[in-house]
């Protein structure tokens, strides 16, 4: 079977572990060359050593424009082109409205939202010059609905969803597609503390990182050539239903007439 990403070059943020490392492995397995960055240098170098010559690792703090510029320059100098950006880096922090520190609010905005903006801005020039590109922003199902005590995370993931749409409209005429992926609970080092049953999923389990990476591969490939400005949800059915209990378990003698 032909490699789906043969000849393409991708840049991935937050690629040292978890979903990001899975994206690196999956894109390389499908024939792509990958430049990826993180602030976890030891783990990032280990992933680069694992996947071999098809990948390059570099230190990338997504809040620093100069780090993004260096990452783009590396992709162009090492592999001669840049076709795909995966804005994967992100953090989560929690706190009630009364207790959530302003410093934590600002930190998550800087990483989860400004980091995505800076990544998009850094790749626009080479992608416009090439007349093509696919930008994939990793949002969350918290970009579709709110979660108690995840105010900064929810706000940034909704914002990434909106930024995806405005960028798609602006960049579409240049042949650049922009889409967002909205994972549910994925088993990664960042979510080890979260119980598997915190969400009521139709499939009854958390996802493995590769189940998100499969969608990243699709959006990076020419198979998704008519998809832009869209949300792609990978949540095991979490957002498919309303947050109420099973009506069939409600004991009642009444036979209500359901009206809408």
C-alpha atoms as a PDB file:
ATOM      1  CA  UNK A   1       0.000   0.000   0.000  1.00  0.00           C
ATOM      2  CA  UNK A   2       1.347   3.435  -0.923  1.00  0.00           C
ATOM      3  CA  UNK A   3       2.458   5.727   1.870  1.00  0.00           C
ATOM      4  CA  UNK A   4      -0.256   8.353   2.307  1.00  0.00           C
ATOM      5  CA  UNK A   5       2.155  11.180   3.176  1.00  0.00           C
ATOM      6  CA  UNK A   6       5.074  10.399   0.894  1.00  0.00           C
ATOM      7  CA  UNK A   7       6.903  13.584  -0.084  1.00  0.00           C
ATOM      8  CA  UNK A   8       5.300  15.738   2.599  1.00  0.00           C
ATOM      9  CA  UNK A   9       7.075  17.588   5.409  1.00  0.00           C
ATOM     10  CA  UNK A  10       5.354  18.288   8.718  1.00  0.00           C
ATOM     11  CA  UNK A  11       6.063  20.479  11.737  1.00  0.00           C
ATOM     12  CA  UNK A  12       4.610  19.317  15.060  1.00  0.00           C
ATOM     13  CA  UNK A  13       4.617  21.136  18.407  1.00  0.00           C
ATOM     14  CA  UNK A  14       4.497  19.295  21.719  1.00  0.00           C
ATOM     15  CA  UNK A  15       5.920  16.188  20.097  1.00  0.00           C
ATOM     16  CA  UNK A  16       8.020  14.753  22.909  1.00  0.00           C
ATOM     17  CA  UNK A  17       5.376  12.532  24.484  1.00  0.00           C
ATOM     18  CA  UNK A  18       1.699  11.609  24.557  1.00  0.00           C
ATOM     19  CA  UNK A  19      -0.373  12.549  21.533  1.00  0.00           C
ATOM     20  CA  UNK A  20       2.430  14.592  20.002  1.00  0.00           C
ATOM     21  CA  UNK A  21       4.875  11.691  19.985  1.00  0.00           C
ATOM     22  CA  UNK A  22       2.143   9.503  18.519  1.00  0.00           C
ATOM     23  CA  UNK A  23       1.615  12.041  15.732  1.00  0.00           C
ATOM     24  CA  UNK A  24       5.340  11.999  14.970  1.00  0.00           C
ATOM     25  CA  UNK A  25       5.410   8.203  14.730  1.00  0.00           C
ATOM     26  CA  UNK A  26       2.242   8.006  12.639  1.00  0.00           C
ATOM     27  CA  UNK A  27       3.265  10.660  10.127  1.00  0.00           C
ATOM     28  CA  UNK A  28       6.715   9.125   9.688  1.00  0.00           C
ATOM     29  CA  UNK A  29       5.126   5.690   9.241  1.00  0.00           C
ATOM     30  CA  UNK A  30       3.050   7.120   6.382  1.00  0.00           C
ATOM     31  CA  UNK A  31       6.106   8.496   4.594  1.00  0.00           C
ATOM     32  CA  UNK A  32       6.366  12.078   5.891  1.00  0.00           C
ATOM     33  CA  UNK A  33       9.479  13.877   7.026  1.00  0.00           C
ATOM     34  CA  UNK A  34       8.870  15.512  10.401  1.00  0.00           C
ATOM     35  CA  UNK A  35      10.381  18.370  12.358  1.00  0.00           C
ATOM     36  CA  UNK A  36       9.022  18.406  15.877  1.00  0.00           C
ATOM     37  CA  UNK A  37       9.639  20.427  18.988  1.00  0.00           C
ATOM     38  CA  UNK A  38       8.920  20.572  22.688  1.00  0.00           C
ATOM     39  CA  UNK A  39      10.401  21.898  25.912  1.00  0.00           C
ATOM     40  CA  UNK A  40      10.967  18.312  27.140  1.00  0.00           C
ATOM     41  CA  UNK A  41      14.278  17.926  25.369  1.00  0.00           C
ATOM     42  CA  UNK A  42      15.388  14.544  26.723  1.00  0.00           C
ATOM     43  CA  UNK A  43      12.084  12.906  25.810  1.00  0.00           C
ATOM     44  CA  UNK A  44      12.021  14.639  22.443  1.00  0.00           C
ATOM     45  CA  UNK A  45      15.506  13.461  21.544  1.00  0.00           C
ATOM     46  CA  UNK A  46      14.523   9.913  22.508  1.00  0.00           C
ATOM     47  CA  UNK A  47      11.555  10.000  20.120  1.00  0.00           C
ATOM     48  CA  UNK A  48      13.779  11.379  17.345  1.00  0.00           C
ATOM     49  CA  UNK A  49      16.288   8.586  17.912  1.00  0.00           C
ATOM     50  CA  UNK A  50      13.474   6.040  17.776  1.00  0.00           C
ATOM     51  CA  UNK A  51      12.012   7.172  14.441  1.00  0.00           C
ATOM     52  CA  UNK A  52      15.365   7.764  12.737  1.00  0.00           C
ATOM     53  CA  UNK A  53      16.473  10.007   9.889  1.00  0.00           C
ATOM     54  CA  UNK A  54      12.952  10.968   8.849  1.00  0.00           C
ATOM     55  CA  UNK A  55      12.625  13.273  11.872  1.00  0.00           C
ATOM     56  CA  UNK A  56      14.444  16.187  13.449  1.00  0.00           C
ATOM     57  CA  UNK A  57      13.911  17.358  17.019  1.00  0.00           C
ATOM     58  CA  UNK A  58      14.515  20.877  18.297  1.00  0.00           C
ATOM     59  CA  UNK A  59      13.656  22.865  21.407  1.00  0.00           C
ATOM     60  CA  UNK A  60      10.371  24.695  20.832  1.00  0.00           C
ATOM     61  CA  UNK A  61       8.684  26.951  23.365  1.00  0.00           C
ATOM     62  CA  UNK A  62       5.444  27.749  21.559  1.00  0.00           C
ATOM     63  CA  UNK A  63       5.133  31.113  23.323  1.00  0.00           C
ATOM     64  CA  UNK A  64       8.333  32.386  21.654  1.00  0.00           C
ATOM     65  CA  UNK A  65       8.124  33.617  18.039  1.00  0.00           C
ATOM     66  CA  UNK A  66      11.854  33.086  17.557  1.00  0.00           C
ATOM     67  CA  UNK A  67      11.495  29.380  18.404  1.00  0.00           C
ATOM     68  CA  UNK A  68       8.776  29.026  15.789  1.00  0.00           C
ATOM     69  CA  UNK A  69      10.927  30.810  13.207  1.00  0.00           C
ATOM     70  CA  UNK A  70      13.791  28.419  13.957  1.00  0.00           C
ATOM     71  CA  UNK A  71      11.510  25.400  13.590  1.00  0.00           C
ATOM     72  CA  UNK A  72      10.240  26.552  10.199  1.00  0.00           C
ATOM     73  CA  UNK A  73      13.798  27.313   9.072  1.00  0.00           C
ATOM     74  CA  UNK A  74      14.859  23.801  10.117  1.00  0.00           C
ATOM     75  CA  UNK A  75      12.073  22.199   8.083  1.00  0.00           C
ATOM     76  CA  UNK A  76      13.048  24.194   5.003  1.00  0.00           C
ATOM     77  CA  UNK A  77      16.792  23.681   5.350  1.00  0.00           C
ATOM     78  CA  UNK A  78      16.654  19.983   6.245  1.00  0.00           C
ATOM     79  CA  UNK A  79      13.813  18.828   4.001  1.00  0.00           C
ATOM     80  CA  UNK A  80      13.284  21.646   1.487  1.00  0.00           C
ATOM     81  CA  UNK A  81       9.595  22.332   2.050  1.00  0.00           C
ATOM     82  CA  UNK A  82       6.798  22.558   4.620  1.00  0.00           C
ATOM     83  CA  UNK A  83       3.380  21.063   3.925  1.00  0.00           C
ATOM     84  CA  UNK A  84       1.784  20.418   7.305  1.00  0.00           C
ATOM     85  CA  UNK A  85       1.599  22.109  10.704  1.00  0.00           C
ATOM     86  CA  UNK A  86       0.211  20.241  13.705  1.00  0.00           C
ATOM     87  CA  UNK A  87      -0.402  22.644  16.592  1.00  0.00           C
ATOM     88  CA  UNK A  88      -0.422  20.012  19.316  1.00  0.00           C
ATOM     89  CA  UNK A  89       1.287  21.597  22.340  1.00  0.00           C
ATOM     90  CA  UNK A  90      -0.995  22.429  25.237  1.00  0.00           C
ATOM     91  CA  UNK A  91      -1.526  22.280  28.977  1.00  0.00           C
ATOM     92  CA  UNK A  92      -4.464  21.912  31.341  1.00  0.00           C
ATOM     93  CA  UNK A  93      -4.938  23.531  34.731  1.00  0.00           C
ATOM     94  CA  UNK A  94      -7.969  23.594  36.985  1.00  0.00           C
ATOM     95  CA  UNK A  95      -9.522  25.825  39.622  1.00  0.00           C
ATOM     96  CA  UNK A  96     -12.822  27.350  40.628  1.00  0.00           C
ATOM     97  CA  UNK A  97     -13.629  30.878  39.533  1.00  0.00           C
ATOM     98  CA  UNK A  98     -12.856  32.131  43.031  1.00  0.00           C
ATOM     99  CA  UNK A  99      -9.564  30.289  43.393  1.00  0.00           C
ATOM    100  CA  UNK A 100      -8.153  30.271  39.851  1.00  0.00           C
ATOM    101  CA  UNK A 101      -4.996  32.392  39.913  1.00  0.00           C
ATOM    102  CA  UNK A 102      -4.630  35.088  37.269  1.00  0.00           C
ATOM    103  CA  UNK A 103      -1.111  33.811  36.590  1.00  0.00           C
ATOM    104  CA  UNK A 104      -2.513  30.367  35.719  1.00  0.00           C
ATOM    105  CA  UNK A 105      -5.137  31.951  33.468  1.00  0.00           C
ATOM    106  CA  UNK A 106      -2.457  33.903  31.610  1.00  0.00           C
ATOM    107  CA  UNK A 107      -0.146  30.898  31.360  1.00  0.00           C
ATOM    108  CA  UNK A 108      -2.737  28.694  29.695  1.00  0.00           C
ATOM    109  CA  UNK A 109      -3.715  31.500  27.304  1.00  0.00           C
ATOM    110  CA  UNK A 110      -0.070  31.958  26.329  1.00  0.00           C
ATOM    111  CA  UNK A 111       0.513  28.270  25.591  1.00  0.00           C
ATOM    112  CA  UNK A 112      -2.827  26.971  24.344  1.00  0.00           C
ATOM    113  CA  UNK A 113      -3.965  29.970  22.309  1.00  0.00           C
ATOM    114  CA  UNK A 114      -1.101  32.354  21.590  1.00  0.00           C
ATOM    115  CA  UNK A 115       1.115  29.346  20.847  1.00  0.00           C
ATOM    116  CA  UNK A 116      -1.328  28.195  18.179  1.00  0.00           C
ATOM    117  CA  UNK A 117      -1.534  31.692  16.687  1.00  0.00           C
ATOM    118  CA  UNK A 118       2.251  31.987  16.539  1.00  0.00           C
ATOM    119  CA  UNK A 119       2.530  28.582  14.883  1.00  0.00           C
ATOM    120  CA  UNK A 120       0.022  29.494  12.195  1.00  0.00           C
ATOM    121  CA  UNK A 121       1.705  32.831  11.590  1.00  0.00           C
ATOM    122  CA  UNK A 122       5.133  31.208  11.264  1.00  0.00           C
ATOM    123  CA  UNK A 123       4.107  28.783   8.510  1.00  0.00           C
ATOM    124  CA  UNK A 124       1.954  31.112   6.408  1.00  0.00           C
ATOM    125  CA  UNK A 125       4.785  32.506   4.269  1.00  0.00           C
ATOM    126  CA  UNK A 126       6.322  29.202   3.097  1.00  0.00           C
ATOM    127  CA  UNK A 127       2.902  27.625   2.613  1.00  0.00           C
ATOM    128  CA  UNK A 128       1.664  30.588   0.568  1.00  0.00           C
ATOM    129  CA  UNK A 129       4.796  30.472  -1.562  1.00  0.00           C
ATOM    130  CA  UNK A 130       4.200  26.765  -2.182  1.00  0.00           C
ATOM    131  CA  UNK A 131       0.503  27.301  -2.889  1.00  0.00           C
ATOM    132  CA  UNK A 132      -0.519  24.528  -0.527  1.00  0.00           C
ATOM    133  CA  UNK A 133      -0.623  23.487   3.111  1.00  0.00           C
ATOM    134  CA  UNK A 134      -2.608  21.812   5.850  1.00  0.00           C
ATOM    135  CA  UNK A 135      -2.771  23.315   9.339  1.00  0.00           C
ATOM    136  CA  UNK A 136      -4.181  21.031  12.029  1.00  0.00           C
ATOM    137  CA  UNK A 137      -5.030  22.581  15.392  1.00  0.00           C
ATOM    138  CA  UNK A 138      -5.550  20.210  18.302  1.00  0.00           C
ATOM    139  CA  UNK A 139      -8.442  21.614  20.310  1.00  0.00           C
ATOM    140  CA  UNK A 140     -10.637  19.464  22.603  1.00  0.00           C
ATOM    141  CA  UNK A 141     -14.237  18.569  23.306  1.00  0.00           C
ATOM    142  CA  UNK A 142     -13.872  21.403  25.817  1.00  0.00           C
ATOM    143  CA  UNK A 143     -13.870  23.509  22.679  1.00  0.00           C
ATOM    144  CA  UNK A 144     -17.419  22.277  22.079  1.00  0.00           C
ATOM    145  CA  UNK A 145     -18.876  22.422  25.606  1.00  0.00           C
ATOM    146  CA  UNK A 146     -17.832  23.678  29.027  1.00  0.00           C
ATOM    147  CA  UNK A 147     -16.374  21.753  31.952  1.00  0.00           C
ATOM    148  CA  UNK A 148     -16.602  22.833  35.590  1.00  0.00           C
ATOM    149  CA  UNK A 149     -13.321  24.214  37.000  1.00  0.00           C
ATOM    150  CA  UNK A 150     -11.570  24.005  33.609  1.00  0.00           C
ATOM    151  CA  UNK A 151     -12.165  27.660  32.781  1.00  0.00           C
ATOM    152  CA  UNK A 152      -8.847  28.463  31.142  1.00  0.00           C
ATOM    153  CA  UNK A 153      -8.737  25.192  29.240  1.00  0.00           C
ATOM    154  CA  UNK A 154     -12.303  25.574  27.998  1.00  0.00           C
ATOM    155  CA  UNK A 155     -11.763  29.201  26.991  1.00  0.00           C
ATOM    156  CA  UNK A 156      -8.587  28.438  25.046  1.00  0.00           C
ATOM    157  CA  UNK A 157      -9.994  25.403  23.280  1.00  0.00           C
ATOM    158  CA  UNK A 158     -13.095  27.327  22.179  1.00  0.00           C
ATOM    159  CA  UNK A 159     -10.762  30.079  20.970  1.00  0.00           C
ATOM    160  CA  UNK A 160      -8.644  27.618  18.979  1.00  0.00           C
ATOM    161  CA  UNK A 161     -11.837  26.420  17.311  1.00  0.00           C
ATOM    162  CA  UNK A 162     -12.695  30.005  16.348  1.00  0.00           C
ATOM    163  CA  UNK A 163      -9.175  30.859  15.212  1.00  0.00           C
ATOM    164  CA  UNK A 164      -9.256  27.770  13.013  1.00  0.00           C
ATOM    165  CA  UNK A 165     -12.296  29.110  11.187  1.00  0.00           C
ATOM    166  CA  UNK A 166     -11.012  32.648  10.682  1.00  0.00           C
ATOM    167  CA  UNK A 167      -7.650  31.312   9.481  1.00  0.00           C
ATOM    168  CA  UNK A 168      -9.371  28.876   7.114  1.00  0.00           C
ATOM    169  CA  UNK A 169     -11.321  31.707   5.514  1.00  0.00           C
ATOM    170  CA  UNK A 170      -8.235  33.876   5.086  1.00  0.00           C
ATOM    171  CA  UNK A 171      -5.867  31.175   3.872  1.00  0.00           C
ATOM    172  CA  UNK A 172      -8.198  29.115   1.685  1.00  0.00           C
ATOM    173  CA  UNK A 173      -7.575  31.199  -1.460  1.00  0.00           C
ATOM    174  CA  UNK A 174      -3.859  30.435  -1.044  1.00  0.00           C
ATOM    175  CA  UNK A 175      -4.481  26.683  -1.073  1.00  0.00           C
ATOM    176  CA  UNK A 176      -3.989  26.307   2.680  1.00  0.00           C
ATOM    177  CA  UNK A 177      -6.511  24.270   4.646  1.00  0.00           C
ATOM    178  CA  UNK A 178      -7.068  24.772   8.394  1.00  0.00           C
ATOM    179  CA  UNK A 179      -9.024  22.338  10.573  1.00  0.00           C
ATOM    180  CA  UNK A 180      -9.381  21.541  14.256  1.00  0.00           C
ATOM    181  CA  UNK A 181      -9.436  18.175  16.013  1.00  0.00           C
ATOM    182  CA  UNK A 182     -11.435  17.813  19.224  1.00  0.00           C
ATOM    183  CA  UNK A 183     -10.325  14.799  21.264  1.00  0.00           C
ATOM    184  CA  UNK A 184     -12.165  13.504  24.286  1.00  0.00           C
ATOM    185  CA  UNK A 185     -10.282  11.708  27.054  1.00  0.00           C
ATOM    186  CA  UNK A 186      -7.009  10.366  25.653  1.00  0.00           C
ATOM    187  CA  UNK A 187      -4.668   8.280  27.797  1.00  0.00           C
ATOM    188  CA  UNK A 188      -1.468  10.325  27.907  1.00  0.00           C
ATOM    189  CA  UNK A 189       0.946  11.417  30.645  1.00  0.00           C
ATOM    190  CA  UNK A 190      -1.018  14.696  30.875  1.00  0.00           C
ATOM    191  CA  UNK A 191      -4.245  12.845  31.745  1.00  0.00           C
ATOM    192  CA  UNK A 192      -2.942   9.990  33.912  1.00  0.00           C
ATOM    193  CA  UNK A 193      -4.698  11.522  36.922  1.00  0.00           C
ATOM    194  CA  UNK A 194      -8.118  11.576  35.222  1.00  0.00           C
ATOM    195  CA  UNK A 195     -10.360   8.533  35.923  1.00  0.00           C
ATOM    196  CA  UNK A 196     -11.451   6.640  32.798  1.00  0.00           C
ATOM    197  CA  UNK A 197     -15.118   6.983  33.751  1.00  0.00           C
ATOM    198  CA  UNK A 198     -15.125  10.768  34.251  1.00  0.00           C
ATOM    199  CA  UNK A 199     -16.997  11.065  30.938  1.00  0.00           C
ATOM    200  CA  UNK A 200     -20.007   8.999  29.890  1.00  0.00           C
ATOM    201  CA  UNK A 201     -18.760   7.788  26.525  1.00  0.00           C
ATOM    202  CA  UNK A 202     -20.798   5.635  24.184  1.00  0.00           C
ATOM    203  CA  UNK A 203     -17.779   3.376  23.717  1.00  0.00           C
ATOM    204  CA  UNK A 204     -17.161   3.152  27.459  1.00  0.00           C
ATOM    205  CA  UNK A 205     -13.417   3.822  27.416  1.00  0.00           C
ATOM    206  CA  UNK A 206     -10.712   6.404  26.963  1.00  0.00           C
ATOM    207  CA  UNK A 207      -8.862   6.568  23.641  1.00  0.00           C
ATOM    208  CA  UNK A 208      -5.278   5.739  22.834  1.00  0.00           C
ATOM    209  CA  UNK A 209      -3.188   8.546  21.285  1.00  0.00           C
ATOM    210  CA  UNK A 210      -2.913   6.756  17.940  1.00  0.00           C
ATOM    211  CA  UNK A 211      -6.695   7.018  17.541  1.00  0.00           C
ATOM    212  CA  UNK A 212      -6.224  10.779  17.277  1.00  0.00           C
ATOM    213  CA  UNK A 213      -3.094  10.411  15.155  1.00  0.00           C
ATOM    214  CA  UNK A 214      -5.082   8.463  12.568  1.00  0.00           C
ATOM    215  CA  UNK A 215      -7.195  11.573  12.022  1.00  0.00           C
ATOM    216  CA  UNK A 216      -4.101  13.794  11.925  1.00  0.00           C
ATOM    217  CA  UNK A 217      -2.764  11.618   9.105  1.00  0.00           C
ATOM    218  CA  UNK A 218      -6.031  12.001   7.196  1.00  0.00           C
ATOM    219  CA  UNK A 219      -6.044  15.802   7.528  1.00  0.00           C
ATOM    220  CA  UNK A 220      -2.360  15.986   6.596  1.00  0.00           C
ATOM    221  CA  UNK A 221      -2.976  13.936   3.465  1.00  0.00           C
ATOM    222  CA  UNK A 222      -4.546  14.861   0.150  1.00  0.00           C
ATOM    223  CA  UNK A 223      -7.489  12.630   1.090  1.00  0.00           C
ATOM    224  CA  UNK A 224      -8.917  15.618   2.986  1.00  0.00           C
ATOM    225  CA  UNK A 225      -8.392  18.076   0.132  1.00  0.00           C
ATOM    226  CA  UNK A 226     -11.904  19.580   0.398  1.00  0.00           C
ATOM    227  CA  UNK A 227     -11.982  19.849   4.196  1.00  0.00           C
ATOM    228  CA  UNK A 228     -11.249  23.223   5.767  1.00  0.00           C
ATOM    229  CA  UNK A 229     -12.634  25.297   8.610  1.00  0.00           C
ATOM    230  CA  UNK A 230     -14.123  22.158  10.132  1.00  0.00           C
ATOM    231  CA  UNK A 231     -14.189  20.419  13.505  1.00  0.00           C
ATOM    232  CA  UNK A 232     -13.305  16.743  13.692  1.00  0.00           C
ATOM    233  CA  UNK A 233     -14.416  15.136  16.953  1.00  0.00           C
ATOM    234  CA  UNK A 234     -12.691  12.036  18.376  1.00  0.00           C
ATOM    235  CA  UNK A 235     -14.446  11.429  21.687  1.00  0.00           C
ATOM    236  CA  UNK A 236     -15.976   7.959  21.746  1.00  0.00           C
ATOM    237  CA  UNK A 237     -19.438   9.491  21.631  1.00  0.00           C
ATOM    238  CA  UNK A 238     -19.046  11.758  24.668  1.00  0.00           C
ATOM    239  CA  UNK A 239     -20.673  14.749  22.995  1.00  0.00           C
ATOM    240  CA  UNK A 240     -23.325  12.689  21.203  1.00  0.00           C
ATOM    241  CA  UNK A 241     -25.833  12.887  24.073  1.00  0.00           C
ATOM    242  CA  UNK A 242     -27.216  15.115  26.778  1.00  0.00           C
ATOM    243  CA  UNK A 243     -25.952  14.872  30.331  1.00  0.00           C
ATOM    244  CA  UNK A 244     -28.981  13.197  31.878  1.00  0.00           C
ATOM    245  CA  UNK A 245     -29.602   9.687  33.174  1.00  0.00           C
ATOM    246  CA  UNK A 246     -31.349   6.927  31.241  1.00  0.00           C
ATOM    247  CA  UNK A 247     -35.080   7.746  31.028  1.00  0.00           C
ATOM    248  CA  UNK A 248     -35.915   4.031  30.892  1.00  0.00           C
ATOM    249  CA  UNK A 249     -34.784   3.696  34.511  1.00  0.00           C
ATOM    250  CA  UNK A 250     -37.193   6.366  35.785  1.00  0.00           C
ATOM    251  CA  UNK A 251     -40.073   4.726  37.665  1.00  0.00           C
ATOM    252  CA  UNK A 252     -43.421   6.446  37.068  1.00  0.00           C
ATOM    253  CA  UNK A 253     -47.078   5.570  36.548  1.00  0.00           C
ATOM    254  CA  UNK A 254     -47.578   8.627  34.387  1.00  0.00           C
ATOM    255  CA  UNK A 255     -47.578   8.376  30.621  1.00  0.00           C
ATOM    256  CA  UNK A 256     -46.420  11.848  29.638  1.00  0.00           C
ATOM    257  CA  UNK A 257     -47.052  13.372  26.268  1.00  0.00           C
ATOM    258  CA  UNK A 258     -43.646  14.499  25.058  1.00  0.00           C
ATOM    259  CA  UNK A 259     -43.686  17.906  23.460  1.00  0.00           C
ATOM    260  CA  UNK A 260     -40.855  19.949  22.044  1.00  0.00           C
END
